[in-house]
Amino acid sequence: MGHLSTHVLDTAHGCPAAGMTVHLQQAQPDGAFHTRKSIQLNADGRADGPLLDAGQMQTGRWRLVFEVAAYFRARGLELPDPPFIDVVNLDFGIADVGAKYHVPLLVSPYSYSTYRGS
């Protein structure tokens, strides 16, 4: 059964991004995004459960918003104002509601990368 999950690794410190705030947004017909859920990542840098479970999965355009600068500032890093990376807006599509979508983020104050995980 399908679901959506995420995981964030702090590559600057070599650890999970515990405490980072993440918002799940869904695209609306007018192109705007509506926030469906906001969470803080646990000690392993993950949500405590799926962002979308099998019954909530819907095809369409989605966005994960990762509050990167706020996370690094909370860790005590001095960042420039404005920071090089403030938030990461990661737009992706769900085409198959029966599939597992895992969206990891590897992040530092100056770079990030992502992929579709398993």
Protein backbone atom coordinates (compact mmCIF):
# COMPACT_ATOMS: atom_id res chain seq x y z
CA MET A 1 0.00 0.00 0.00
CA GLY A 2 1.24 3.45 -0.89
CA HIS A 3 2.47 6.14 1.43
CA LEU A 4 4.65 9.26 1.53
CA SER A 5 7.60 9.70 3.88
CA THR A 6 10.67 11.90 4.26
CA HIS A 7 14.04 11.84 6.00
CA VAL A 8 16.53 14.71 6.41
CA LEU A 9 20.26 14.35 7.03
CA ASP A 10 22.34 17.31 8.18
CA THR A 11 25.53 16.89 6.13
CA ALA A 12 27.25 19.82 7.89
CA HIS A 13 27.17 17.99 11.22
CA GLY A 14 26.95 14.41 9.94
CA CYS A 15 23.70 13.60 11.74
CA PRO A 16 19.91 13.44 11.31
CA ALA A 17 18.21 16.86 11.19
CA ALA A 18 16.29 16.35 14.45
CA GLY A 19 13.81 19.12 15.13
CA MET A 20 13.64 20.52 11.58
CA THR A 21 10.17 21.77 10.66
CA VAL A 22 8.67 20.38 7.45
CA HIS A 23 5.41 21.35 5.75
CA LEU A 24 3.53 19.14 3.30
CA GLN A 25 1.60 21.13 0.70
CA GLN A 26 -0.75 20.08 -2.09
CA ALA A 27 -1.18 21.98 -5.35
CA GLN A 28 -4.64 23.42 -5.96
CA PRO A 29 -6.31 23.80 -9.38
CA ASP A 30 -5.41 27.52 -9.40
CA GLY A 31 -1.71 26.67 -8.95
CA ALA A 32 -1.52 27.75 -5.31
CA PHE A 33 -0.27 25.32 -2.68
CA HIS A 34 -2.32 24.46 0.43
CA THR A 35 -0.57 23.21 3.58
CA ARG A 36 -1.91 19.79 4.55
CA LYS A 37 0.44 19.02 7.43
CA SER A 38 3.31 20.55 9.41
CA ILE A 39 5.66 18.42 11.50
CA GLN A 40 8.95 18.49 13.37
CA LEU A 41 11.36 15.69 12.57
CA ASN A 42 12.22 13.24 15.33
CA ALA A 43 15.70 12.33 16.66
CA ASP A 44 16.29 10.16 13.56
CA GLY A 45 15.45 13.07 11.21
CA ARG A 46 12.16 11.44 10.21
CA ALA A 47 8.47 12.03 10.68
CA ASP A 48 6.96 9.83 13.40
CA GLY A 49 4.63 8.33 10.79
CA PRO A 50 3.83 8.65 7.11
CA LEU A 51 3.17 12.16 5.82
CA LEU A 52 0.39 10.55 3.80
CA ASP A 53 -0.86 7.06 4.53
CA ALA A 54 -2.53 4.76 2.00
CA GLY A 55 -5.97 6.31 2.53
CA GLN A 56 -4.68 9.87 2.09
CA MET A 57 -2.60 9.36 -1.06
CA GLN A 58 -3.80 11.43 -4.05
CA THR A 59 -2.32 11.85 -7.49
CA GLY A 60 -1.12 15.31 -8.34
CA ARG A 61 1.53 17.90 -7.58
CA TRP A 62 2.90 18.16 -4.05
CA ARG A 63 5.53 20.21 -2.24
CA LEU A 64 7.66 19.59 0.83
CA VAL A 65 8.90 22.78 2.50
CA PHE A 66 11.96 22.26 4.69
CA GLU A 67 12.84 25.10 7.10
CA VAL A 68 16.61 24.80 6.68
CA ALA A 69 17.95 28.13 8.00
CA ALA A 70 15.78 28.00 11.13
CA TYR A 71 17.10 24.50 11.83
CA PHE A 72 20.76 25.52 11.48
CA ARG A 73 20.26 28.66 13.56
CA ALA A 74 18.67 26.54 16.29
CA ARG A 75 21.83 24.40 16.18
CA GLY A 76 23.86 27.54 16.91
CA LEU A 77 25.28 28.21 13.45
CA GLU A 78 25.74 31.84 12.49
CA LEU A 79 24.25 32.33 9.06
CA PRO A 80 24.43 35.43 6.87
CA ASP A 81 21.34 37.60 6.58
CA PRO A 82 19.73 36.59 4.36
CA PRO A 83 20.95 32.99 4.50
CA PHE A 84 22.12 31.33 1.30
CA ILE A 85 19.48 28.61 1.79
CA ASP A 86 16.49 29.68 3.87
CA VAL A 87 13.85 27.11 2.94
CA VAL A 88 13.94 24.27 0.45
CA ASN A 89 10.75 23.95 -1.58
CA LEU A 90 10.78 20.49 -3.10
CA ASP A 91 8.07 20.01 -5.73
CA PHE A 92 7.25 16.47 -6.82
CA GLY A 93 4.42 14.48 -8.32
CA ILE A 94 2.47 11.46 -7.13
CA ALA A 95 1.34 9.45 -10.14
CA ASP A 96 0.59 6.09 -8.47
CA VAL A 97 -1.30 6.18 -5.15
CA GLY A 98 -0.38 2.54 -4.55
CA ALA A 99 3.37 3.24 -4.64
CA LYS A 100 5.73 4.17 -1.83
CA TYR A 101 7.18 7.68 -2.17
CA HIS A 102 10.16 8.38 0.09
CA VAL A 103 11.67 11.86 -0.35
CA PRO A 104 15.02 12.23 1.48
CA LEU A 105 16.88 15.52 1.77
CA LEU A 106 20.62 15.89 2.38
CA VAL A 107 21.29 19.46 3.48
CA SER A 108 23.89 21.92 4.72
CA PRO A 109 23.69 25.72 4.98
CA TYR A 110 25.10 25.97 1.43
CA SER A 111 23.86 22.94 -0.50
CA TYR A 112 21.19 20.27 -0.72
CA SER A 113 20.30 17.21 -2.76
CA THR A 114 17.37 14.87 -2.95
CA TYR A 115 16.18 11.74 -4.73
CA ARG A 116 13.28 9.33 -4.72
CA GLY A 117 14.17 6.74 -2.12
CA SER A 118 12.64 3.42 -1.28
